[in-house]
C-alpha atoms as a PDB file:
ATOM      1  CA  MET A   1     -22.626   5.122 -61.286  1.00  0.00           C
ATOM      2  CA  ASN A   2     -19.126   5.169 -59.869  1.00  0.00           C
ATOM      3  CA  GLN A   3     -16.129   5.609 -62.055  1.00  0.00           C
ATOM      4  CA  ALA A   4     -13.868   3.448 -59.118  1.00  0.00           C
ATOM      5  CA  GLN A   5     -16.470   0.365 -59.912  1.00  0.00           C
ATOM      6  CA  THR A   6     -15.915   0.657 -63.766  1.00  0.00           C
ATOM      7  CA  LEU A   7     -11.715   0.859 -64.291  1.00  0.00           C
ATOM      8  CA  PRO A   8     -10.141  -2.734 -63.872  1.00  0.00           C
ATOM      9  CA  PRO A   9      -8.697  -3.620 -61.572  1.00  0.00           C
ATOM     10  CA  ARG A  10      -4.517  -2.488 -61.105  1.00  0.00           C
ATOM     11  CA  GLY A  11      -1.892  -4.515 -58.865  1.00  0.00           C
ATOM     12  CA  PHE A  12       0.011  -7.108 -58.776  1.00  0.00           C
ATOM     13  CA  LYS A  13      -2.411  -9.702 -59.739  1.00  0.00           C
ATOM     14  CA  HIS A  14      -3.731  -7.829 -62.805  1.00  0.00           C
ATOM     15  CA  TRP A  15       0.359  -7.845 -63.930  1.00  0.00           C
ATOM     16  CA  TRP A  16       0.602 -11.509 -62.707  1.00  0.00           C
ATOM     17  CA  LEU A  17      -2.513 -12.676 -65.066  1.00  0.00           C
ATOM     18  CA  LYS A  18      -1.186 -10.629 -68.157  1.00  0.00           C
ATOM     19  CA  TRP A  19       2.215 -11.560 -68.013  1.00  0.00           C
ATOM     20  CA  ARG A  20       2.318 -14.806 -66.714  1.00  0.00           C
ATOM     21  CA  PHE A  21       2.483 -16.652 -69.969  1.00  0.00           C
ATOM     22  CA  HIS A  22       5.634 -14.365 -71.129  1.00  0.00           C
ATOM     23  CA  LEU A  23       7.296 -15.283 -68.121  1.00  0.00           C
ATOM     24  CA  ASN A  24       6.719 -19.255 -68.545  1.00  0.00           C
ATOM     25  CA  ILE A  25       8.488 -18.528 -71.753  1.00  0.00           C
ATOM     26  CA  LEU A  26      11.225 -17.207 -70.443  1.00  0.00           C
ATOM     27  CA  LEU A  27      11.542 -19.862 -67.809  1.00  0.00           C
ATOM     28  CA  ILE A  28      12.190 -22.340 -71.009  1.00  0.00           C
ATOM     29  CA  LEU A  29      14.434 -19.843 -73.147  1.00  0.00           C
ATOM     30  CA  ILE A  30      16.704 -18.566 -70.785  1.00  0.00           C
ATOM     31  CA  PRO A  31      18.338 -22.558 -69.872  1.00  0.00           C
ATOM     32  CA  LEU A  32      18.531 -23.099 -73.769  1.00  0.00           C
ATOM     33  CA  ALA A  33      20.781 -20.299 -73.454  1.00  0.00           C
ATOM     34  CA  PHE A  34      23.807 -22.442 -71.536  1.00  0.00           C
ATOM     35  CA  MET A  35      22.841 -25.394 -73.660  1.00  0.00           C
ATOM     36  CA  PRO A  36      25.632 -24.442 -76.193  1.00  0.00           C
ATOM     37  CA  LYS A  37      28.585 -25.141 -72.813  1.00  0.00           C
ATOM     38  CA  TYR A  38      26.501 -28.083 -71.444  1.00  0.00           C
ATOM     39  CA  PHE A  39      27.562 -30.129 -74.140  1.00  0.00           C
ATOM     40  CA  ALA A  40      30.603 -28.868 -74.992  1.00  0.00           C
ATOM     41  CA  ASP A  41      31.295 -29.956 -71.253  1.00  0.00           C
ATOM     42  CA  MET A  42      29.116 -33.378 -71.327  1.00  0.00           C
ATOM     43  CA  ARG A  43      31.303 -33.738 -74.463  1.00  0.00           C
ATOM     44  CA  LEU A  44      34.630 -33.073 -72.405  1.00  0.00           C
ATOM     45  CA  PHE A  45      34.280 -35.405 -69.725  1.00  0.00           C
ATOM     46  CA  ARG A  46      33.054 -38.784 -71.625  1.00  0.00           C
ATOM     47  CA  GLY A  47      36.158 -37.844 -73.421  1.00  0.00           C
ATOM     48  CA  GLU A  48      35.389 -37.573 -76.801  1.00  0.00           C
ATOM     49  CA  GLY A  49      36.521 -33.983 -77.102  1.00  0.00           C
ATOM     50  CA  GLY A  50      39.872 -34.685 -76.273  1.00  0.00           C
ATOM     51  CA  LEU A  51      41.532 -34.423 -73.665  1.00  0.00           C
ATOM     52  CA  GLY A  52      41.306 -30.794 -73.208  1.00  0.00           C
ATOM     53  CA  GLU A  53      43.236 -27.872 -74.503  1.00  0.00           C
ATOM     54  CA  HIS A  54      46.272 -27.201 -74.717  1.00  0.00           C
ATOM     55  CA  LEU A  55      47.294 -31.181 -75.295  1.00  0.00           C
ATOM     56  CA  GLN A  56      51.368 -32.036 -74.478  1.00  0.00           C
ATOM     57  CA  ALA A  57      51.416 -35.647 -76.249  1.00  0.00           C
ATOM     58  CA  ASP A  58      53.885 -38.237 -75.489  1.00  0.00           C
ATOM     59  CA  ILE A  59      55.957 -36.644 -72.795  1.00  0.00           C
ATOM     60  CA  PRO A  60      58.618 -39.198 -72.038  1.00  0.00           C
ATOM     61  CA  VAL A  61      58.636 -40.091 -68.477  1.00  0.00           C
ATOM     62  CA  GLY A  62      60.908 -43.194 -67.580  1.00  0.00           C
ATOM     63  CA  ARG A  63      59.755 -45.998 -69.999  1.00  0.00           C
ATOM     64  CA  TRP A  64      56.469 -44.474 -70.103  1.00  0.00           C
ATOM     65  CA  SER A  65      54.965 -41.784 -72.235  1.00  0.00           C
ATOM     66  CA  VAL A  66      51.859 -39.392 -70.954  1.00  0.00           C
ATOM     67  CA  SER A  67      49.656 -37.041 -72.484  1.00  0.00           C
ATOM     68  CA  LEU A  68      48.889 -33.760 -70.347  1.00  0.00           C
ATOM     69  CA  ALA A  69      46.033 -30.699 -71.155  1.00  0.00           C
ATOM     70  CA  GLU A  70      44.540 -28.606 -69.498  1.00  0.00           C
ATOM     71  CA  MET A  71      40.811 -29.209 -68.658  1.00  0.00           C
ATOM     72  CA  ARG A  72      39.424 -25.069 -69.424  1.00  0.00           C
ATOM     73  CA  ASP A  73      41.603 -22.037 -71.791  1.00  0.00           C
ATOM     74  CA  ALA A  74      41.260 -19.881 -68.219  1.00  0.00           C
ATOM     75  CA  ALA A  75      43.199 -18.324 -65.398  1.00  0.00           C
ATOM     76  CA  PRO A  76      43.470 -20.744 -62.322  1.00  0.00           C
ATOM     77  CA  GLU A  77      40.356 -20.470 -60.311  1.00  0.00           C
ATOM     78  CA  GLN A  78      40.575 -19.335 -56.421  1.00  0.00           C
ATOM     79  CA  ASP A  79      39.920 -22.084 -54.066  1.00  0.00           C
ATOM     80  CA  GLY A  80      38.582 -20.218 -50.410  1.00  0.00           C
ATOM     81  CA  PRO A  81      41.714 -20.153 -48.770  1.00  0.00           C
ATOM     82  CA  ALA A  82      43.255 -22.959 -50.082  1.00  0.00           C
ATOM     83  CA  GLY A  83      44.827 -20.904 -53.150  1.00  0.00           C
ATOM     84  CA  TYR A  84      44.218 -21.036 -56.276  1.00  0.00           C
ATOM     85  CA  PHE A  85      44.335 -23.926 -58.453  1.00  0.00           C
ATOM     86  CA  LYS A  86      44.264 -25.389 -62.396  1.00  0.00           C
ATOM     87  CA  ILE A  87      42.276 -28.605 -63.379  1.00  0.00           C
ATOM     88  CA  PHE A  88      44.649 -30.809 -65.738  1.00  0.00           C
ATOM     89  CA  ASN A  89      44.103 -34.102 -67.578  1.00  0.00           C
ATOM     90  CA  LEU A  90      46.358 -37.113 -67.786  1.00  0.00           C
ATOM     91  CA  ALA A  91      46.604 -40.260 -69.816  1.00  0.00           C
ATOM     92  CA  LEU A  92      49.322 -42.630 -70.054  1.00  0.00           C
ATOM     93  CA  CYS A  93      49.543 -44.211 -73.744  1.00  0.00           C
ATOM     94  CA  ALA A  94      47.482 -47.295 -74.360  1.00  0.00           C
ATOM     95  CA  GLU A  95      50.823 -49.396 -74.292  1.00  0.00           C
ATOM     96  CA  CYS A  96      52.238 -48.531 -71.209  1.00  0.00           C
ATOM     97  CA  GLN A  97      49.595 -48.845 -68.702  1.00  0.00           C
ATOM     98  CA  GLU A  98      51.572 -51.603 -66.667  1.00  0.00           C
ATOM     99  CA  GLY A  99      53.746 -50.946 -63.861  1.00  0.00           C
ATOM    100  CA  VAL A 100      52.409 -47.521 -63.221  1.00  0.00           C
ATOM    101  CA  LYS A 101      51.683 -47.509 -59.557  1.00  0.00           C
ATOM    102  CA  ALA A 102      50.648 -43.251 -59.710  1.00  0.00           C
ATOM    103  CA  ILE A 103      51.035 -40.247 -61.612  1.00  0.00           C
ATOM    104  CA  TYR A 104      52.287 -36.648 -59.424  1.00  0.00           C
ATOM    105  CA  LEU A 105      51.647 -33.106 -61.032  1.00  0.00           C
ATOM    106  CA  ARG A 106      53.574 -30.363 -58.981  1.00  0.00           C
ATOM    107  CA  ILE A 107      54.891 -26.719 -59.817  1.00  0.00           C
ATOM    108  CA  GLY A 108      58.836 -27.157 -59.704  1.00  0.00           C
ATOM    109  CA  LYS A 109      60.449 -30.291 -58.898  1.00  0.00           C
ATOM    110  CA  PRO A 110      59.918 -32.336 -56.215  1.00  0.00           C
ATOM    111  CA  ARG A 111      62.496 -32.865 -53.909  1.00  0.00           C
ATOM    112  CA  SER A 112      61.057 -36.674 -52.900  1.00  0.00           C
ATOM    113  CA  LEU A 113      57.880 -38.916 -53.431  1.00  0.00           C
ATOM    114  CA  ARG A 114      56.959 -37.446 -50.064  1.00  0.00           C
ATOM    115  CA  ALA A 115      56.202 -33.942 -52.288  1.00  0.00           C
ATOM    116  CA  ALA A 116      55.360 -34.811 -54.952  1.00  0.00           C
ATOM    117  CA  GLY A 117      52.258 -32.852 -55.958  1.00  0.00           C
ATOM    118  CA  SER A 118      49.107 -33.932 -56.255  1.00  0.00           C
ATOM    119  CA  ILE A 119      48.241 -37.056 -57.500  1.00  0.00           C
ATOM    120  CA  GLY A 120      45.871 -38.191 -60.808  1.00  0.00           C
ATOM    121  CA  PHE A 121      43.072 -40.148 -60.197  1.00  0.00           C
ATOM    122  CA  GLY A 122      40.500 -41.604 -62.651  1.00  0.00           C
ATOM    123  CA  SER A 123      41.290 -44.624 -65.062  1.00  0.00           C
ATOM    124  CA  PRO A 124      44.829 -44.400 -66.542  1.00  0.00           C
ATOM    125  CA  TYR A 125      43.252 -43.171 -70.090  1.00  0.00           C
ATOM    126  CA  ARG A 126      41.387 -40.739 -68.766  1.00  0.00           C
ATOM    127  CA  MET A 127      42.908 -39.169 -64.863  1.00  0.00           C
ATOM    128  CA  LEU A 128      42.092 -35.943 -63.506  1.00  0.00           C
ATOM    129  CA  THR A 129      44.138 -33.464 -61.149  1.00  0.00           C
ATOM    130  CA  SER A 130      43.653 -30.018 -59.365  1.00  0.00           C
ATOM    131  CA  LEU A 131      47.226 -28.497 -59.478  1.00  0.00           C
ATOM    132  CA  PRO A 132      48.036 -25.473 -56.593  1.00  0.00           C
ATOM    133  CA  ILE A 133      49.214 -22.494 -58.619  1.00  0.00           C
ATOM    134  CA  PRO A 134      50.693 -20.490 -56.007  1.00  0.00           C
ATOM    135  CA  GLN A 135      50.657 -16.981 -56.941  1.00  0.00           C
ATOM    136  CA  ARG A 136      54.773 -16.213 -56.639  1.00  0.00           C
ATOM    137  CA  THR A 137      55.128 -18.617 -59.056  1.00  0.00           C
ATOM    138  CA  GLN A 138      57.139 -17.471 -62.149  1.00  0.00           C
ATOM    139  CA  PRO A 139      55.636 -17.416 -65.670  1.00  0.00           C
ATOM    140  CA  ASP A 140      58.956 -19.599 -66.979  1.00  0.00           C
ATOM    141  CA  ALA A 141      58.098 -22.338 -64.246  1.00  0.00           C
ATOM    142  CA  HIS A 142      57.906 -25.987 -65.422  1.00  0.00           C
ATOM    143  CA  ILE A 143      55.569 -28.616 -64.585  1.00  0.00           C
ATOM    144  CA  TRP A 144      56.758 -31.268 -63.292  1.00  0.00           C
ATOM    145  CA  ILE A 145      55.022 -34.855 -64.169  1.00  0.00           C
ATOM    146  CA  THR A 146      55.846 -37.563 -61.457  1.00  0.00           C
ATOM    147  CA  LEU A 147      55.329 -41.259 -62.083  1.00  0.00           C
ATOM    148  CA  GLU A 148      55.449 -44.192 -59.301  1.00  0.00           C
ATOM    149  CA  GLY A 149      56.092 -47.706 -60.411  1.00  0.00           C
ATOM    150  CA  TRP A 150      54.810 -50.386 -59.050  1.00  0.00           C
ATOM    151  CA  ASP A 151      58.617 -51.100 -58.373  1.00  0.00           C
ATOM    152  CA  GLY A 152      59.494 -48.350 -56.250  1.00  0.00           C
ATOM    153  CA  GLN A 153      61.185 -46.401 -58.568  1.00  0.00           C
ATOM    154  CA  MET A 154      60.045 -42.760 -58.999  1.00  0.00           C
ATOM    155  CA  TYR A 155      60.552 -41.116 -62.734  1.00  0.00           C
ATOM    156  CA  GLN A 156      60.121 -37.079 -63.825  1.00  0.00           C
ATOM    157  CA  ALA A 157      59.679 -35.055 -66.392  1.00  0.00           C
ATOM    158  CA  SER A 158      58.641 -31.519 -66.781  1.00  0.00           C
ATOM    159  CA  VAL A 159      56.828 -29.138 -69.389  1.00  0.00           C
ATOM    160  CA  PRO A 160      57.184 -25.645 -69.634  1.00  0.00           C
ATOM    161  CA  LEU A 161      53.916 -24.149 -68.251  1.00  0.00           C
ATOM    162  CA  ALA A 162      53.814 -21.761 -70.822  1.00  0.00           C
ATOM    163  CA  GLU A 163      53.224 -24.496 -73.272  1.00  0.00           C
ATOM    164  CA  ALA A 164      51.196 -26.434 -70.704  1.00  0.00           C
ATOM    165  CA  SER A 165      48.670 -23.979 -70.061  1.00  0.00           C
ATOM    166  CA  PRO A 166      49.344 -20.223 -71.558  1.00  0.00           C
ATOM    167  CA  ALA A 167      46.240 -18.763 -69.848  1.00  0.00           C
ATOM    168  CA  THR A 168      48.020 -19.907 -66.440  1.00  0.00           C
ATOM    169  CA  ALA A 169      51.365 -18.157 -67.055  1.00  0.00           C
ATOM    170  CA  ALA A 170      49.775 -14.792 -68.111  1.00  0.00           C
ATOM    171  CA  TRP A 171      47.646 -14.787 -65.206  1.00  0.00           C
ATOM    172  CA  LEU A 172      50.774 -15.399 -63.263  1.00  0.00           C
ATOM    173  CA  ALA A 173      52.872 -12.669 -65.607  1.00  0.00           C
ATOM    174  CA  LYS A 174      50.082 -10.213 -64.388  1.00  0.00           C
ATOM    175  CA  GLN A 175      50.139 -11.669 -61.098  1.00  0.00           C
ATOM    176  CA  GLY A 176      53.392  -9.920 -60.629  1.00  0.00           C
ATOM    177  CA  GLY A 177      54.645 -12.042 -57.096  1.00  0.00           C
ATOM    178  CA  LYS A 178      51.867 -10.443 -55.741  1.00  0.00           C
ATOM    179  CA  PRO A 179      51.375 -12.564 -52.173  1.00  0.00           C
END
């Protein structure tokens, strides 16, 4: 009898038949490793986890007060050629939602309402905005909050960037004014 006929078949088919069960178990276990982050994100998006990181509560802006928090405690993320952005959440106080038309965020004091910055969108209890972070910004810069009232008036307040987002201030210090 030929010895080649008695050896078990080798190759991909043999390997697949032997390991397919184990590979299927991996396909179930790998997504489970990402579940804690997913559930933490869902808590944050539903509002159960608060507004976010480094909450700056009750910032007086005109006759209203605003709470500001960064979405994640991380450096700004690059969004292609548009540059670097940081996501912030805003919330008006429960008693002061009447009379506010729009809320804007910007690094550096805006010259006018036309240059007020990125607009917050969403409900008054949880607004989201994606704030552009220029690379040449100094780490001691301020985030300016601009409220536009239905009466046409503009109200402003500022928060130090290092308090609102320490990771962004550290990232800017590391950049060192690079273009």
